[in-house]
Amino acid sequence: GDGTVNEAAGVLAGTPIPLLPMAGGSTNVFSRAMGWPHPAGSAVPLIGPALEQHHVRSVRLGEVTVDGRSRTFCVNAGAGIDANTVQRVEASRWLKPVLRQLGFGLVSVAESVRSVRREPCITLVADDGDPHLVASAIVATGSPYAFFGPTPLDLTPGAAFDGRLRWLGIAHTGPRDLGRVLAGGLRSASHIGREGIFDGWALREVRLSADRPIAVQADGEPLGRHREAVMRPGPELQVLVPPPAVD
């Protein structure tokens, strides 16, 4: 899954040894973004040709720092509703293996309902830009953000594993607001530019800060609650990818 891929990528980043990300988890965002089919069994016939042709892609990862500790992320890191959802799902171990993506969806809806009574509390600053006050933030090195079955959910369009950070801030995360964002991510990024949604690019860093500890996640793994999180472009990773299909 993405958590295991994240751990392996953190070890191999900056070395010439390529990573083969197999889609063995519930969502497998990074492996599918790299072109590997889901589930893992359908990828097996492609491994031999990929190795023989040494079909390798160089990608740039991201790096998130909280409380002086840094770790890489392959696809995205964030704070707010997605991090709260990850934290609650991980706390209920049966949700993930039994309900899979449905479990994340159900918890996201519950978190969205809970968020109606909260004011935006995260200050987002990208590079030297103006601050934005948001309730939830996503910082991506690549896309999509996730998959709903075979359909990609692209909340940060254009993110391409090239070293630039694509960020998205959501001012309100009530059910109606969150529904609009998710619908936009499934339909040609139509959420971008809507009222209450901020987005942009960062070349150096995206800094998230709050007056109280907020949940932070990286590649779907909870990192605890912190008052500040800084996302920066991370190291380069070599990834073994399937060779192009031959007609």
C-alpha atoms as a PDB file:
ATOM      1  CA  GLY A   1       0.000   0.000   0.000  1.00  0.00           C
ATOM      2  CA  ASP A   2       0.927   3.682  -0.072  1.00  0.00           C
ATOM      3  CA  GLY A   3       2.262   3.638   3.488  1.00  0.00           C
ATOM      4  CA  THR A   4       4.716   0.833   2.707  1.00  0.00           C
ATOM      5  CA  VAL A   5       5.709   2.485  -0.574  1.00  0.00           C
ATOM      6  CA  ASN A   6       6.346   5.689   1.376  1.00  0.00           C
ATOM      7  CA  GLU A   7       8.715   3.905   3.780  1.00  0.00           C
ATOM      8  CA  ALA A   8      10.629   2.209   0.958  1.00  0.00           C
ATOM      9  CA  ALA A   9      10.828   5.416  -1.079  1.00  0.00           C
ATOM     10  CA  GLY A  10      12.297   7.269   1.888  1.00  0.00           C
ATOM     11  CA  VAL A  11      15.137   4.746   2.021  1.00  0.00           C
ATOM     12  CA  LEU A  12      15.825   4.580  -1.733  1.00  0.00           C
ATOM     13  CA  ALA A  13      15.474   8.301  -2.508  1.00  0.00           C
ATOM     14  CA  GLY A  14      18.760   9.817  -3.603  1.00  0.00           C
ATOM     15  CA  THR A  15      20.224   6.451  -4.616  1.00  0.00           C
ATOM     16  CA  PRO A  16      20.459   4.869  -8.094  1.00  0.00           C
ATOM     17  CA  ILE A  17      18.389   1.873  -6.946  1.00  0.00           C
ATOM     18  CA  PRO A  18      14.905   1.965  -8.497  1.00  0.00           C
ATOM     19  CA  LEU A  19      11.739   1.289  -6.539  1.00  0.00           C
ATOM     20  CA  LEU A  20       9.108  -1.112  -7.894  1.00  0.00           C
ATOM     21  CA  PRO A  21       5.819   0.049  -6.302  1.00  0.00           C
ATOM     22  CA  MET A  22       3.363  -2.848  -6.401  1.00  0.00           C
ATOM     23  CA  ALA A  23      -0.338  -2.091  -5.925  1.00  0.00           C
ATOM     24  CA  GLY A  24      -0.891  -4.325  -2.899  1.00  0.00           C
ATOM     25  CA  GLY A  25      -2.929  -2.025  -0.649  1.00  0.00           C
ATOM     26  CA  SER A  26      -6.406  -0.549  -0.631  1.00  0.00           C
ATOM     27  CA  THR A  27      -5.852   2.535  -2.836  1.00  0.00           C
ATOM     28  CA  ASN A  28      -2.258   2.426  -4.176  1.00  0.00           C
ATOM     29  CA  VAL A  29      -2.128   6.009  -5.446  1.00  0.00           C
ATOM     30  CA  PHE A  30       1.607   6.176  -6.182  1.00  0.00           C
ATOM     31  CA  SER A  31       1.944   2.830  -7.954  1.00  0.00           C
ATOM     32  CA  ARG A  32      -1.084   3.564 -10.150  1.00  0.00           C
ATOM     33  CA  ALA A  33       0.194   7.081 -10.869  1.00  0.00           C
ATOM     34  CA  MET A  34       3.405   5.426 -12.085  1.00  0.00           C
ATOM     35  CA  GLY A  35       1.405   3.317 -14.529  1.00  0.00           C
ATOM     36  CA  TRP A  36       1.267   0.016 -12.639  1.00  0.00           C
ATOM     37  CA  PRO A  37      -2.132  -1.687 -12.856  1.00  0.00           C
ATOM     38  CA  HIS A  38      -4.282  -2.489  -9.855  1.00  0.00           C
ATOM     39  CA  PRO A  39      -4.473  -5.052  -8.253  1.00  0.00           C
ATOM     40  CA  ALA A  40      -0.906  -6.276  -7.935  1.00  0.00           C
ATOM     41  CA  GLY A  41      -1.553  -9.609  -9.653  1.00  0.00           C
ATOM     42  CA  SER A  42      -2.263  -7.916 -12.961  1.00  0.00           C
ATOM     43  CA  ALA A  43       1.099  -6.150 -12.774  1.00  0.00           C
ATOM     44  CA  VAL A  44       3.166  -9.343 -12.527  1.00  0.00           C
ATOM     45  CA  PRO A  45       3.446 -10.011 -16.317  1.00  0.00           C
ATOM     46  CA  LEU A  46       4.851  -6.490 -16.801  1.00  0.00           C
ATOM     47  CA  ILE A  47       7.683  -6.766 -14.285  1.00  0.00           C
ATOM     48  CA  GLY A  48       9.960  -8.889 -16.501  1.00  0.00           C
ATOM     49  CA  PRO A  49       9.811  -6.534 -19.510  1.00  0.00           C
ATOM     50  CA  ALA A  50      10.274  -3.504 -17.246  1.00  0.00           C
ATOM     51  CA  LEU A  51      13.410  -5.046 -15.741  1.00  0.00           C
ATOM     52  CA  GLU A  52      14.782  -6.216 -19.079  1.00  0.00           C
ATOM     53  CA  GLN A  53      14.335  -2.779 -20.637  1.00  0.00           C
ATOM     54  CA  HIS A  54      15.381  -0.985 -17.446  1.00  0.00           C
ATOM     55  CA  HIS A  55      12.331   1.220 -17.899  1.00  0.00           C
ATOM     56  CA  VAL A  56      12.986   3.742 -15.130  1.00  0.00           C
ATOM     57  CA  ARG A  57      11.409   7.124 -14.425  1.00  0.00           C
ATOM     58  CA  SER A  58      13.001   9.815 -12.246  1.00  0.00           C
ATOM     59  CA  VAL A  59      10.514  11.591  -9.977  1.00  0.00           C
ATOM     60  CA  ARG A  60      10.830  14.217  -7.266  1.00  0.00           C
ATOM     61  CA  LEU A  61       9.304  13.492  -3.915  1.00  0.00           C
ATOM     62  CA  GLY A  62       8.140  15.907  -1.241  1.00  0.00           C
ATOM     63  CA  GLU A  63       9.352  16.353   2.318  1.00  0.00           C
ATOM     64  CA  VAL A  64       7.269  17.289   5.351  1.00  0.00           C
ATOM     65  CA  THR A  65       8.789  18.563   8.598  1.00  0.00           C
ATOM     66  CA  VAL A  66       6.969  18.556  11.946  1.00  0.00           C
ATOM     67  CA  ASP A  67       8.586  19.191  15.331  1.00  0.00           C
ATOM     68  CA  GLY A  68      12.035  19.152  13.753  1.00  0.00           C
ATOM     69  CA  ARG A  69      11.548  15.709  12.192  1.00  0.00           C
ATOM     70  CA  SER A  70      11.369  15.279   8.419  1.00  0.00           C
ATOM     71  CA  ARG A  71      10.067  12.486   6.232  1.00  0.00           C
ATOM     72  CA  THR A  72       9.464  12.137   2.534  1.00  0.00           C
ATOM     73  CA  PHE A  73       6.075  11.806   0.885  1.00  0.00           C
ATOM     74  CA  CYS A  74       5.466  10.373  -2.562  1.00  0.00           C
ATOM     75  CA  VAL A  75       2.152  11.977  -3.529  1.00  0.00           C
ATOM     76  CA  ASN A  76       0.763  14.388  -0.951  1.00  0.00           C
ATOM     77  CA  ALA A  77       0.775  15.595   2.625  1.00  0.00           C
ATOM     78  CA  GLY A  78      -1.795  17.726   4.350  1.00  0.00           C
ATOM     79  CA  ALA A  79      -3.588  18.982   7.411  1.00  0.00           C
ATOM     80  CA  GLY A  80      -7.239  19.333   8.266  1.00  0.00           C
ATOM     81  CA  ILE A  81     -10.082  17.075   7.226  1.00  0.00           C
ATOM     82  CA  ASP A  82      -8.032  14.525   5.267  1.00  0.00           C
ATOM     83  CA  ALA A  83      -5.532  14.187   8.108  1.00  0.00           C
ATOM     84  CA  ASN A  84      -8.356  13.885  10.661  1.00  0.00           C
ATOM     85  CA  THR A  85      -9.908  11.162   8.511  1.00  0.00           C
ATOM     86  CA  VAL A  86      -6.619   9.256   8.265  1.00  0.00           C
ATOM     87  CA  GLN A  87      -6.095   9.504  12.010  1.00  0.00           C
ATOM     88  CA  ARG A  88      -9.567   8.153  12.815  1.00  0.00           C
ATOM     89  CA  VAL A  89      -9.355   5.330  10.273  1.00  0.00           C
ATOM     90  CA  GLU A  90      -5.969   4.242  11.613  1.00  0.00           C
ATOM     91  CA  ALA A  91      -7.355   4.324  15.143  1.00  0.00           C
ATOM     92  CA  SER A  92     -10.119   1.902  14.052  1.00  0.00           C
ATOM     93  CA  ARG A  93      -8.012  -0.835  12.484  1.00  0.00           C
ATOM     94  CA  TRP A  94     -11.021  -2.839  11.273  1.00  0.00           C
ATOM     95  CA  LEU A  95     -12.236   0.002   9.010  1.00  0.00           C
ATOM     96  CA  LYS A  96      -9.317  -0.135   6.611  1.00  0.00           C
ATOM     97  CA  PRO A  97      -9.197  -3.860   5.735  1.00  0.00           C
ATOM     98  CA  VAL A  98     -12.955  -4.435   5.897  1.00  0.00           C
ATOM     99  CA  LEU A  99     -14.438  -1.324   4.281  1.00  0.00           C
ATOM    100  CA  ARG A 100     -11.380  -0.107   2.337  1.00  0.00           C
ATOM    101  CA  GLN A 101     -12.231   3.076   0.370  1.00  0.00           C
ATOM    102  CA  LEU A 102     -15.793   3.061   1.702  1.00  0.00           C
ATOM    103  CA  GLY A 103     -14.385   3.346   5.211  1.00  0.00           C
ATOM    104  CA  PHE A 104     -12.431   6.476   4.291  1.00  0.00           C
ATOM    105  CA  GLY A 105     -15.523   7.900   2.645  1.00  0.00           C
ATOM    106  CA  LEU A 106     -17.738   7.308   5.660  1.00  0.00           C
ATOM    107  CA  VAL A 107     -15.238   8.828   8.072  1.00  0.00           C
ATOM    108  CA  SER A 108     -14.719  11.796   5.733  1.00  0.00           C
ATOM    109  CA  VAL A 109     -18.445  12.508   5.789  1.00  0.00           C
ATOM    110  CA  ALA A 110     -18.482  12.311   9.599  1.00  0.00           C
ATOM    111  CA  GLU A 111     -15.502  14.672   9.821  1.00  0.00           C
ATOM    112  CA  SER A 112     -17.193  17.033   7.399  1.00  0.00           C
ATOM    113  CA  VAL A 113     -20.299  17.203   9.584  1.00  0.00           C
ATOM    114  CA  ARG A 114     -18.142  17.832  12.658  1.00  0.00           C
ATOM    115  CA  SER A 115     -16.240  20.617  10.874  1.00  0.00           C
ATOM    116  CA  VAL A 116     -19.357  22.756  10.361  1.00  0.00           C
ATOM    117  CA  ARG A 117     -19.013  24.087  13.899  1.00  0.00           C
ATOM    118  CA  ARG A 118     -15.337  24.985  13.441  1.00  0.00           C
ATOM    119  CA  GLU A 119     -13.858  28.150  12.023  1.00  0.00           C
ATOM    120  CA  PRO A 120     -10.890  27.952   9.637  1.00  0.00           C
ATOM    121  CA  CYS A 121      -7.764  27.765  11.784  1.00  0.00           C
ATOM    122  CA  ILE A 122      -4.859  26.938   9.446  1.00  0.00           C
ATOM    123  CA  THR A 123      -2.705  29.705   8.008  1.00  0.00           C
ATOM    124  CA  LEU A 124      -1.185  28.632   4.681  1.00  0.00           C
ATOM    125  CA  VAL A 125       1.773  30.519   3.190  1.00  0.00           C
ATOM    126  CA  ALA A 126       3.396  29.359  -0.073  1.00  0.00           C
ATOM    127  CA  ASP A 127       6.916  30.685  -0.679  1.00  0.00           C
ATOM    128  CA  ASP A 128       6.669  34.467  -0.102  1.00  0.00           C
ATOM    129  CA  GLY A 129       2.996  34.723  -1.031  1.00  0.00           C
ATOM    130  CA  ASP A 130       0.071  36.110   0.910  1.00  0.00           C
ATOM    131  CA  PRO A 131      -1.306  34.063   3.811  1.00  0.00           C
ATOM    132  CA  HIS A 132      -4.594  32.190   3.382  1.00  0.00           C
ATOM    133  CA  LEU A 133      -6.805  31.149   6.269  1.00  0.00           C
ATOM    134  CA  VAL A 134      -8.158  27.665   5.541  1.00  0.00           C
ATOM    135  CA  ALA A 135      -9.821  24.763   7.313  1.00  0.00           C
ATOM    136  CA  SER A 136      -7.975  22.069   5.340  1.00  0.00           C
ATOM    137  CA  ALA A 137      -4.884  21.986   3.129  1.00  0.00           C
ATOM    138  CA  ILE A 138      -3.277  19.547   0.702  1.00  0.00           C
ATOM    139  CA  VAL A 139       0.268  19.879  -0.635  1.00  0.00           C
ATOM    140  CA  ALA A 140       1.059  17.551  -3.515  1.00  0.00           C
ATOM    141  CA  THR A 141       4.165  16.608  -5.413  1.00  0.00           C
ATOM    142  CA  GLY A 142       2.116  14.524  -7.863  1.00  0.00           C
ATOM    143  CA  SER A 143      -1.417  13.556  -8.707  1.00  0.00           C
ATOM    144  CA  PRO A 144      -4.041  12.229  -8.437  1.00  0.00           C
ATOM    145  CA  TYR A 145      -4.949  12.715  -4.781  1.00  0.00           C
ATOM    146  CA  ALA A 146      -6.721   9.341  -4.630  1.00  0.00           C
ATOM    147  CA  PHE A 147      -8.842   6.897  -6.625  1.00  0.00           C
ATOM    148  CA  PHE A 148     -12.525   6.064  -6.331  1.00  0.00           C
ATOM    149  CA  GLY A 149     -12.406   2.588  -7.817  1.00  0.00           C
ATOM    150  CA  PRO A 150     -10.889   3.060 -11.284  1.00  0.00           C
ATOM    151  CA  THR A 151     -11.607   6.810 -11.337  1.00  0.00           C
ATOM    152  CA  PRO A 152      -8.850   9.255 -10.323  1.00  0.00           C
ATOM    153  CA  LEU A 153      -9.731  12.014  -7.850  1.00  0.00           C
ATOM    154  CA  ASP A 154      -7.578  14.934  -9.014  1.00  0.00           C
ATOM    155  CA  LEU A 155      -7.706  17.675  -6.382  1.00  0.00           C
ATOM    156  CA  THR A 156      -4.339  19.204  -7.348  1.00  0.00           C
ATOM    157  CA  PRO A 157      -4.345  19.282 -11.170  1.00  0.00           C
ATOM    158  CA  GLY A 158      -0.994  19.617 -12.880  1.00  0.00           C
ATOM    159  CA  ALA A 159       1.132  18.138 -10.104  1.00  0.00           C
ATOM    160  CA  ALA A 160       3.643  16.045 -12.022  1.00  0.00           C
ATOM    161  CA  PHE A 161       6.417  14.755  -9.704  1.00  0.00           C
ATOM    162  CA  ASP A 162       8.757  17.408 -11.142  1.00  0.00           C
ATOM    163  CA  GLY A 163       9.860  19.117  -7.934  1.00  0.00           C
ATOM    164  CA  ARG A 164       7.145  21.769  -7.811  1.00  0.00           C
ATOM    165  CA  LEU A 165       4.579  21.650  -5.039  1.00  0.00           C
ATOM    166  CA  ARG A 166       0.915  22.049  -5.969  1.00  0.00           C
ATOM    167  CA  TRP A 167      -1.205  23.190  -3.050  1.00  0.00           C
ATOM    168  CA  LEU A 168      -4.910  23.453  -2.333  1.00  0.00           C
ATOM    169  CA  GLY A 169      -6.559  25.208   0.588  1.00  0.00           C
ATOM    170  CA  ILE A 170     -10.252  24.873   1.451  1.00  0.00           C
ATOM    171  CA  ALA A 171     -11.830  27.606   3.578  1.00  0.00           C
ATOM    172  CA  HIS A 172     -14.818  25.538   4.693  1.00  0.00           C
ATOM    173  CA  THR A 173     -15.219  21.760   4.886  1.00  0.00           C
ATOM    174  CA  GLY A 174     -18.912  21.292   5.616  1.00  0.00           C
ATOM    175  CA  PRO A 175     -20.714  18.543   3.690  1.00  0.00           C
ATOM    176  CA  ARG A 176     -21.835  20.848   0.867  1.00  0.00           C
ATOM    177  CA  ASP A 177     -18.397  22.475   0.528  1.00  0.00           C
ATOM    178  CA  LEU A 178     -16.573  19.151   0.630  1.00  0.00           C
ATOM    179  CA  GLY A 179     -19.022  17.667  -1.874  1.00  0.00           C
ATOM    180  CA  ARG A 180     -18.255  20.443  -4.357  1.00  0.00           C
ATOM    181  CA  VAL A 181     -14.530  19.878  -4.016  1.00  0.00           C
ATOM    182  CA  LEU A 182     -14.808  16.109  -4.456  1.00  0.00           C
ATOM    183  CA  ALA A 183     -17.155  16.482  -7.419  1.00  0.00           C
ATOM    184  CA  GLY A 184     -14.712  18.919  -9.002  1.00  0.00           C
ATOM    185  CA  GLY A 185     -11.840  16.490  -8.476  1.00  0.00           C
ATOM    186  CA  LEU A 186     -13.780  13.856 -10.372  1.00  0.00           C
ATOM    187  CA  ARG A 187     -14.831  16.219 -13.167  1.00  0.00           C
ATOM    188  CA  SER A 188     -11.916  17.978 -14.852  1.00  0.00           C
ATOM    189  CA  ALA A 189     -10.875  19.927 -11.756  1.00  0.00           C
ATOM    190  CA  SER A 190     -13.957  22.151 -11.883  1.00  0.00           C
ATOM    191  CA  HIS A 191     -13.465  23.036  -8.196  1.00  0.00           C
ATOM    192  CA  ILE A 192     -10.412  25.171  -8.970  1.00  0.00           C
ATOM    193  CA  GLY A 193     -11.202  28.886  -8.830  1.00  0.00           C
ATOM    194  CA  ARG A 194     -14.446  28.526  -6.878  1.00  0.00           C
ATOM    195  CA  GLU A 195     -15.162  30.788  -3.926  1.00  0.00           C
ATOM    196  CA  GLY A 196     -13.515  29.560  -0.738  1.00  0.00           C
ATOM    197  CA  ILE A 197     -10.928  27.465  -2.587  1.00  0.00           C
ATOM    198  CA  PHE A 198      -7.339  28.675  -2.845  1.00  0.00           C
ATOM    199  CA  ASP A 199      -4.663  26.988  -4.926  1.00  0.00           C
ATOM    200  CA  GLY A 200      -1.244  27.612  -6.408  1.00  0.00           C
ATOM    201  CA  TRP A 201       2.329  26.438  -6.831  1.00  0.00           C
ATOM    202  CA  ALA A 202       5.368  26.606  -4.576  1.00  0.00           C
ATOM    203  CA  LEU A 203       8.988  26.166  -5.553  1.00  0.00           C
ATOM    204  CA  ARG A 204      10.505  26.321  -2.050  1.00  0.00           C
ATOM    205  CA  GLU A 205       7.985  25.549   0.659  1.00  0.00           C
ATOM    206  CA  VAL A 206       4.414  25.579   1.889  1.00  0.00           C
ATOM    207  CA  ARG A 207       4.085  26.421   5.577  1.00  0.00           C
ATOM    208  CA  LEU A 208       0.975  25.475   7.550  1.00  0.00           C
ATOM    209  CA  SER A 209       0.528  26.904  11.040  1.00  0.00           C
ATOM    210  CA  ALA A 210      -2.266  26.958  13.593  1.00  0.00           C
ATOM    211  CA  ASP A 211      -2.893  28.276  17.090  1.00  0.00           C
ATOM    212  CA  ARG A 212      -3.767  24.776  18.284  1.00  0.00           C
ATOM    213  CA  PRO A 213      -2.387  21.352  17.314  1.00  0.00           C
ATOM    214  CA  ILE A 214      -3.878  20.039  14.064  1.00  0.00           C
ATOM    215  CA  ALA A 215      -3.710  16.578  12.506  1.00  0.00           C
ATOM    216  CA  VAL A 216      -1.070  16.106   9.784  1.00  0.00           C
ATOM    217  CA  GLN A 217      -0.768  13.230   7.300  1.00  0.00           C
ATOM    218  CA  ALA A 218       1.710  12.103   4.647  1.00  0.00           C
ATOM    219  CA  ASP A 219       0.683   9.603   1.961  1.00  0.00           C
ATOM    220  CA  GLY A 220      -2.235   8.507   4.102  1.00  0.00           C
ATOM    221  CA  GLU A 221      -0.140   7.910   7.228  1.00  0.00           C
ATOM    222  CA  PRO A 222      -0.962   9.930  10.382  1.00  0.00           C
ATOM    223  CA  LEU A 223       1.878  12.068  11.726  1.00  0.00           C
ATOM    224  CA  GLY A 224       0.124  13.210  14.896  1.00  0.00           C
ATOM    225  CA  ARG A 225      -1.043  16.706  15.833  1.00  0.00           C
ATOM    226  CA  HIS A 226       1.199  19.736  15.494  1.00  0.00           C
ATOM    227  CA  ARG A 227       1.026  23.527  15.465  1.00  0.00           C
ATOM    228  CA  GLU A 228       3.174  23.782  12.353  1.00  0.00           C
ATOM    229  CA  ALA A 229       4.043  21.662   9.319  1.00  0.00           C
ATOM    230  CA  VAL A 230       6.364  22.640   6.481  1.00  0.00           C
ATOM    231  CA  MET A 231       6.274  20.914   3.105  1.00  0.00           C
ATOM    232  CA  ARG A 232       9.238  21.297   0.732  1.00  0.00           C
ATOM    233  CA  PRO A 233      10.429  19.679  -2.514  1.00  0.00           C
ATOM    234  CA  GLY A 234      12.213  16.480  -1.578  1.00  0.00           C
ATOM    235  CA  PRO A 235      14.839  14.144  -3.045  1.00  0.00           C
ATOM    236  CA  GLU A 236      14.795  12.394  -6.400  1.00  0.00           C
ATOM    237  CA  LEU A 237      13.627   8.803  -6.641  1.00  0.00           C
ATOM    238  CA  GLN A 238      14.174   6.284  -9.422  1.00  0.00           C
ATOM    239  CA  VAL A 239      11.016   4.270 -10.127  1.00  0.00           C
ATOM    240  CA  LEU A 240      10.687   1.164 -12.256  1.00  0.00           C
ATOM    241  CA  VAL A 241       7.643   1.675 -14.474  1.00  0.00           C
ATOM    242  CA  PRO A 242       5.917  -0.643 -16.938  1.00  0.00           C
ATOM    243  CA  PRO A 243       7.040  -0.368 -20.559  1.00  0.00           C
ATOM    244  CA  PRO A 244       4.625   1.260 -22.998  1.00  0.00           C
ATOM    245  CA  ALA A 245       2.016  -1.028 -24.461  1.00  0.00           C
ATOM    246  CA  VAL A 246       2.735  -2.291 -27.947  1.00  0.00           C
ATOM    247  CA  ASP A 247      -0.258  -2.306 -30.326  1.00  0.00           C
END
